[in-house]
Amino acid sequence: MAASSPRRAAGLVDELGRLLLGAPVPLSVRCWDGSASVVDGAPTLVVRHRRALRRLVYAPG
């Protein structure tokens, strides 16, 4: 998740979820940079800071 990447944070979260779960993430995601990945009828995970995302990945408990 390099800062120089042109991709938005929600797209990276979605891609990361697919890699970890092996399937599309069953959540909508809204991130600190204003980007969003929307799944109709799904609850929304709001990630307000990039550190929170890192913590979810490395220390999910």
PDB file of N, CA and C in Angstrom:
ATOM      1  N   MET A   1       0.820  -1.172   0.000  1.00  0.00           N
ATOM      2  CA  MET A   1       0.000   0.000   0.000  1.00  0.00           C
ATOM      3  C   MET A   1       0.869   1.242   0.000  1.00  0.00           C
ATOM      4  N   ALA A   2       1.575   1.424  -1.026  1.00  0.00           N
ATOM      5  CA  ALA A   2       2.490   2.546  -1.130  1.00  0.00           C
ATOM      6  C   ALA A   2       1.733   3.842  -1.392  1.00  0.00           C
ATOM      7  N   ALA A   3       2.218   4.924  -0.818  1.00  0.00           N
ATOM      8  CA  ALA A   3       1.588   6.225  -0.985  1.00  0.00           C
ATOM      9  C   ALA A   3       1.659   6.698  -2.433  1.00  0.00           C
ATOM     10  N   SER A   4       2.622   6.217  -3.195  1.00  0.00           N
ATOM     11  CA  SER A   4       2.772   6.652  -4.578  1.00  0.00           C
ATOM     12  C   SER A   4       1.813   5.943  -5.526  1.00  0.00           C
ATOM     13  N   SER A   5       1.104   4.934  -5.046  1.00  0.00           N
ATOM     14  CA  SER A   5       0.172   4.193  -5.881  1.00  0.00           C
ATOM     15  C   SER A   5      -1.033   5.056  -6.244  1.00  0.00           C
ATOM     16  N   PRO A   6      -1.474   5.022  -7.503  1.00  0.00           N
ATOM     17  CA  PRO A   6      -2.627   5.820  -7.900  1.00  0.00           C
ATOM     18  C   PRO A   6      -3.950   5.224  -7.433  1.00  0.00           C
ATOM     19  N   ARG A   7      -3.938   3.996  -6.931  1.00  0.00           N
ATOM     20  CA  ARG A   7      -5.175   3.366  -6.488  1.00  0.00           C
ATOM     21  C   ARG A   7      -5.663   3.986  -5.187  1.00  0.00           C
ATOM     22  N   ARG A   8      -6.957   3.993  -5.003  1.00  0.00           N
ATOM     23  CA  ARG A   8      -7.562   4.548  -3.803  1.00  0.00           C
ATOM     24  C   ARG A   8      -7.599   3.490  -2.701  1.00  0.00           C
ATOM     25  N   ALA A   9      -7.706   3.935  -1.456  1.00  0.00           N
ATOM     26  CA  ALA A   9      -7.631   3.049  -0.300  1.00  0.00           C
ATOM     27  C   ALA A   9      -8.727   1.987  -0.295  1.00  0.00           C
ATOM     28  N   ALA A  10      -9.965   2.329  -0.615  1.00  0.00           N
ATOM     29  CA  ALA A  10     -11.053   1.349  -0.593  1.00  0.00           C
ATOM     30  C   ALA A  10     -10.801   0.219  -1.593  1.00  0.00           C
ATOM     31  N   GLY A  11     -10.239   0.539  -2.736  1.00  0.00           N
ATOM     32  CA  GLY A  11      -9.896  -0.489  -3.715  1.00  0.00           C
ATOM     33  C   GLY A  11      -8.836  -1.432  -3.171  1.00  0.00           C
ATOM     34  N   LEU A  12      -7.882  -0.882  -2.433  1.00  0.00           N
ATOM     35  CA  LEU A  12      -6.845  -1.721  -1.830  1.00  0.00           C
ATOM     36  C   LEU A  12      -7.425  -2.608  -0.731  1.00  0.00           C
ATOM     37  N   VAL A  13      -8.349  -2.057   0.061  1.00  0.00           N
ATOM     38  CA  VAL A  13      -8.991  -2.853   1.107  1.00  0.00           C
ATOM     39  C   VAL A  13      -9.774  -3.991   0.477  1.00  0.00           C
ATOM     40  N   ASP A  14     -10.495  -3.687  -0.589  1.00  0.00           N
ATOM     41  CA  ASP A  14     -11.265  -4.714  -1.295  1.00  0.00           C
ATOM     42  C   ASP A  14     -10.349  -5.802  -1.849  1.00  0.00           C
ATOM     43  N   GLU A  15      -9.263  -5.387  -2.471  1.00  0.00           N
ATOM     44  CA  GLU A  15      -8.298  -6.346  -3.034  1.00  0.00           C
ATOM     45  C   GLU A  15      -7.660  -7.194  -1.933  1.00  0.00           C
ATOM     46  N   LEU A  16      -7.296  -6.572  -0.834  1.00  0.00           N
ATOM     47  CA  LEU A  16      -6.704  -7.296   0.293  1.00  0.00           C
ATOM     48  C   LEU A  16      -7.685  -8.325   0.847  1.00  0.00           C
ATOM     49  N   GLY A  17      -8.945  -7.926   0.986  1.00  0.00           N
ATOM     50  CA  GLY A  17      -9.974  -8.856   1.472  1.00  0.00           C
ATOM     51  C   GLY A  17     -10.140 -10.050   0.557  1.00  0.00           C
ATOM     52  N   ARG A  18     -10.110  -9.812  -0.744  1.00  0.00           N
ATOM     53  CA  ARG A  18     -10.221 -10.916  -1.708  1.00  0.00           C
ATOM     54  C   ARG A  18      -9.041 -11.879  -1.582  1.00  0.00           C
ATOM     55  N   LEU A  19      -7.855 -11.323  -1.379  1.00  0.00           N
ATOM     56  CA  LEU A  19      -6.671 -12.174  -1.226  1.00  0.00           C
ATOM     57  C   LEU A  19      -6.733 -12.998   0.056  1.00  0.00           C
ATOM     58  N   LEU A  20      -7.162 -12.378   1.141  1.00  0.00           N
ATOM     59  CA  LEU A  20      -7.206 -13.075   2.431  1.00  0.00           C
ATOM     60  C   LEU A  20      -8.351 -14.077   2.519  1.00  0.00           C
ATOM     61  N   LEU A  21      -9.513 -13.726   1.963  1.00  0.00           N
ATOM     62  CA  LEU A  21     -10.694 -14.578   2.070  1.00  0.00           C
ATOM     63  C   LEU A  21     -10.884 -15.509   0.884  1.00  0.00           C
ATOM     64  N   GLY A  22     -10.265 -15.170  -0.241  1.00  0.00           N
ATOM     65  CA  GLY A  22     -10.450 -15.967  -1.443  1.00  0.00           C
ATOM     66  C   GLY A  22     -11.784 -15.709  -2.117  1.00  0.00           C
ATOM     67  N   ALA A  23     -12.474 -14.643  -1.710  1.00  0.00           N
ATOM     68  CA  ALA A  23     -13.778 -14.285  -2.262  1.00  0.00           C
ATOM     69  C   ALA A  23     -13.988 -12.789  -2.046  1.00  0.00           C
ATOM     70  N   PRO A  24     -14.954 -12.197  -2.735  1.00  0.00           N
ATOM     71  CA  PRO A  24     -15.234 -10.777  -2.504  1.00  0.00           C
ATOM     72  C   PRO A  24     -15.630 -10.514  -1.048  1.00  0.00           C
ATOM     73  N   VAL A  25     -15.230  -9.374  -0.540  1.00  0.00           N
ATOM     74  CA  VAL A  25     -15.551  -8.993   0.834  1.00  0.00           C
ATOM     75  C   VAL A  25     -17.043  -8.680   0.924  1.00  0.00           C
ATOM     76  N   PRO A  26     -17.771  -9.284   1.895  1.00  0.00           N
ATOM     77  CA  PRO A  26     -19.220  -9.065   1.991  1.00  0.00           C
ATOM     78  C   PRO A  26     -19.572  -7.791   2.755  1.00  0.00           C
ATOM     79  N   LEU A  27     -18.762  -6.746   2.601  1.00  0.00           N
ATOM     80  CA  LEU A  27     -18.969  -5.467   3.268  1.00  0.00           C
ATOM     81  C   LEU A  27     -18.742  -4.327   2.298  1.00  0.00           C
ATOM     82  N   SER A  28     -19.431  -3.231   2.545  1.00  0.00           N
ATOM     83  CA  SER A  28     -19.074  -1.985   1.880  1.00  0.00           C
ATOM     84  C   SER A  28     -17.945  -1.389   2.702  1.00  0.00           C
ATOM     85  N   VAL A  29     -17.041  -0.671   2.059  1.00  0.00           N
ATOM     86  CA  VAL A  29     -15.897  -0.084   2.760  1.00  0.00           C
ATOM     87  C   VAL A  29     -15.812   1.395   2.403  1.00  0.00           C
ATOM     88  N   ARG A  30     -15.644   2.240   3.428  1.00  0.00           N
ATOM     89  CA  ARG A  30     -15.410   3.671   3.211  1.00  0.00           C
ATOM     90  C   ARG A  30     -14.130   4.018   3.944  1.00  0.00           C
ATOM     91  N   CYS A  31     -13.190   4.673   3.266  1.00  0.00           N
ATOM     92  CA  CYS A  31     -11.859   4.919   3.826  1.00  0.00           C
ATOM     93  C   CYS A  31     -11.572   6.393   4.055  1.00  0.00           C
ATOM     94  N   TRP A  32     -10.492   6.624   4.789  1.00  0.00           N
ATOM     95  CA  TRP A  32     -10.041   7.949   5.204  1.00  0.00           C
ATOM     96  C   TRP A  32      -9.814   8.914   4.051  1.00  0.00           C
ATOM     97  N   ASP A  33      -9.539   8.402   2.876  1.00  0.00           N
ATOM     98  CA  ASP A  33      -9.259   9.285   1.740  1.00  0.00           C
ATOM     99  C   ASP A  33     -10.516   9.631   0.943  1.00  0.00           C
ATOM    100  N   GLY A  34     -11.690   9.202   1.442  1.00  0.00           N
ATOM    101  CA  GLY A  34     -12.951   9.496   0.772  1.00  0.00           C
ATOM    102  C   GLY A  34     -13.378   8.446  -0.230  1.00  0.00           C
ATOM    103  N   SER A  35     -12.539   7.458  -0.480  1.00  0.00           N
ATOM    104  CA  SER A  35     -12.898   6.414  -1.439  1.00  0.00           C
ATOM    105  C   SER A  35     -13.858   5.421  -0.783  1.00  0.00           C
ATOM    106  N   ALA A  36     -14.624   4.733  -1.618  1.00  0.00           N
ATOM    107  CA  ALA A  36     -15.589   3.759  -1.116  1.00  0.00           C
ATOM    108  C   ALA A  36     -15.725   2.608  -2.095  1.00  0.00           C
ATOM    109  N   SER A  37     -15.999   1.450  -1.544  1.00  0.00           N
ATOM    110  CA  SER A  37     -16.312   0.258  -2.317  1.00  0.00           C
ATOM    111  C   SER A  37     -17.661  -0.214  -1.777  1.00  0.00           C
ATOM    112  N   VAL A  38     -18.711  -0.111  -2.571  1.00  0.00           N
ATOM    113  CA  VAL A  38     -20.073  -0.336  -2.089  1.00  0.00           C
ATOM    114  C   VAL A  38     -20.610  -1.685  -2.557  1.00  0.00           C
ATOM    115  N   VAL A  39     -21.159  -2.427  -1.603  1.00  0.00           N
ATOM    116  CA  VAL A  39     -21.869  -3.680  -1.881  1.00  0.00           C
ATOM    117  C   VAL A  39     -23.308  -3.437  -1.444  1.00  0.00           C
ATOM    118  N   ASP A  40     -24.261  -3.492  -2.385  1.00  0.00           N
ATOM    119  CA  ASP A  40     -25.660  -3.205  -2.077  1.00  0.00           C
ATOM    120  C   ASP A  40     -26.190  -4.077  -0.943  1.00  0.00           C
ATOM    121  N   GLY A  41     -26.815  -3.444   0.042  1.00  0.00           N
ATOM    122  CA  GLY A  41     -27.437  -4.159   1.151  1.00  0.00           C
ATOM    123  C   GLY A  41     -26.482  -4.655   2.219  1.00  0.00           C
ATOM    124  N   ALA A  42     -25.199  -4.378   2.070  1.00  0.00           N
ATOM    125  CA  ALA A  42     -24.209  -4.862   3.047  1.00  0.00           C
ATOM    126  C   ALA A  42     -23.896  -3.772   4.072  1.00  0.00           C
ATOM    127  N   PRO A  43     -23.502  -4.190   5.270  1.00  0.00           N
ATOM    128  CA  PRO A  43     -23.050  -3.194   6.256  1.00  0.00           C
ATOM    129  C   PRO A  43     -21.773  -2.518   5.775  1.00  0.00           C
ATOM    130  N   THR A  44     -21.494  -1.341   6.321  1.00  0.00           N
ATOM    131  CA  THR A  44     -20.330  -0.568   5.897  1.00  0.00           C
ATOM    132  C   THR A  44     -19.256  -0.546   6.972  1.00  0.00           C
ATOM    133  N   LEU A  45     -18.048  -0.900   6.579  1.00  0.00           N
ATOM    134  CA  LEU A  45     -16.870  -0.784   7.430  1.00  0.00           C
ATOM    135  C   LEU A  45     -16.247   0.567   7.122  1.00  0.00           C
ATOM    136  N   VAL A  46     -16.121   1.425   8.144  1.00  0.00           N
ATOM    137  CA  VAL A  46     -15.525   2.740   7.961  1.00  0.00           C
ATOM    138  C   VAL A  46     -14.125   2.694   8.556  1.00  0.00           C
ATOM    139  N   VAL A  47     -13.119   2.924   7.720  1.00  0.00           N
ATOM    140  CA  VAL A  47     -11.720   2.934   8.151  1.00  0.00           C
ATOM    141  C   VAL A  47     -11.282   4.394   8.138  1.00  0.00           C
ATOM    142  N   ARG A  48     -11.115   4.981   9.319  1.00  0.00           N
ATOM    143  CA  ARG A  48     -10.856   6.414   9.414  1.00  0.00           C
ATOM    144  C   ARG A  48      -9.383   6.784   9.350  1.00  0.00           C
ATOM    145  N   HIS A  49      -8.520   5.808   9.516  1.00  0.00           N
ATOM    146  CA  HIS A  49      -7.089   6.102   9.470  1.00  0.00           C
ATOM    147  C   HIS A  49      -6.354   4.889   8.923  1.00  0.00           C
ATOM    148  N   ARG A  50      -5.304   5.123   8.177  1.00  0.00           N
ATOM    149  CA  ARG A  50      -4.561   4.000   7.586  1.00  0.00           C
ATOM    150  C   ARG A  50      -3.953   3.096   8.647  1.00  0.00           C
ATOM    151  N   ARG A  51      -3.639   3.623   9.817  1.00  0.00           N
ATOM    152  CA  ARG A  51      -3.119   2.787  10.906  1.00  0.00           C
ATOM    153  C   ARG A  51      -4.154   1.760  11.362  1.00  0.00           C
ATOM    154  N   ALA A  52      -5.428   2.140  11.324  1.00  0.00           N
ATOM    155  CA  ALA A  52      -6.488   1.210  11.706  1.00  0.00           C
ATOM    156  C   ALA A  52      -6.511   0.017  10.757  1.00  0.00           C
ATOM    157  N   LEU A  53      -6.309   0.262   9.490  1.00  0.00           N
ATOM    158  CA  LEU A  53      -6.261  -0.823   8.509  1.00  0.00           C
ATOM    159  C   LEU A  53      -5.084  -1.749   8.797  1.00  0.00           C
ATOM    160  N   ARG A  54      -3.946  -1.172   9.075  1.00  0.00           N
ATOM    161  CA  ARG A  54      -2.762  -1.974   9.406  1.00  0.00           C
ATOM    162  C   ARG A  54      -3.041  -2.842  10.629  1.00  0.00           C
ATOM    163  N   ARG A  55      -3.692  -2.280  11.625  1.00  0.00           N
ATOM    164  CA  ARG A  55      -3.990  -3.025  12.843  1.00  0.00           C
ATOM    165  C   ARG A  55      -4.965  -4.172  12.573  1.00  0.00           C
ATOM    166  N   LEU A  56      -5.966  -3.918  11.724  1.00  0.00           N
ATOM    167  CA  LEU A  56      -6.916  -4.985  11.373  1.00  0.00           C
ATOM    168  C   LEU A  56      -6.201  -6.163  10.718  1.00  0.00           C
ATOM    169  N   VAL A  57      -5.190  -5.878   9.912  1.00  0.00           N
ATOM    170  CA  VAL A  57      -4.491  -6.925   9.198  1.00  0.00           C
ATOM    171  C   VAL A  57      -3.504  -7.667  10.110  1.00  0.00           C
ATOM    172  N   TYR A  58      -2.708  -6.921  10.871  1.00  0.00           N
ATOM    173  CA  TYR A  58      -1.642  -7.538  11.653  1.00  0.00           C
ATOM    174  C   TYR A  58      -2.054  -7.971  13.060  1.00  0.00           C
ATOM    175  N   ALA A  59      -3.089  -7.367  13.628  1.00  0.00           N
ATOM    176  CA  ALA A  59      -3.541  -7.716  14.982  1.00  0.00           C
ATOM    177  C   ALA A  59      -5.066  -7.685  15.028  1.00  0.00           C
ATOM    178  N   PRO A  60      -5.726  -8.610  14.318  1.00  0.00           N
ATOM    179  CA  PRO A  60      -7.178  -8.538  14.185  1.00  0.00           C
ATOM    180  C   PRO A  60      -7.975  -8.729  15.478  1.00  0.00           C
ATOM    181  N   GLY A  61      -7.377  -9.311  16.494  1.00  0.00           N
ATOM    182  CA  GLY A  61      -8.088  -9.560  17.751  1.00  0.00           C
ATOM    183  C   GLY A  61      -8.166  -8.324  18.571  1.00  0.00           C
TER     184      GLY A  61
END
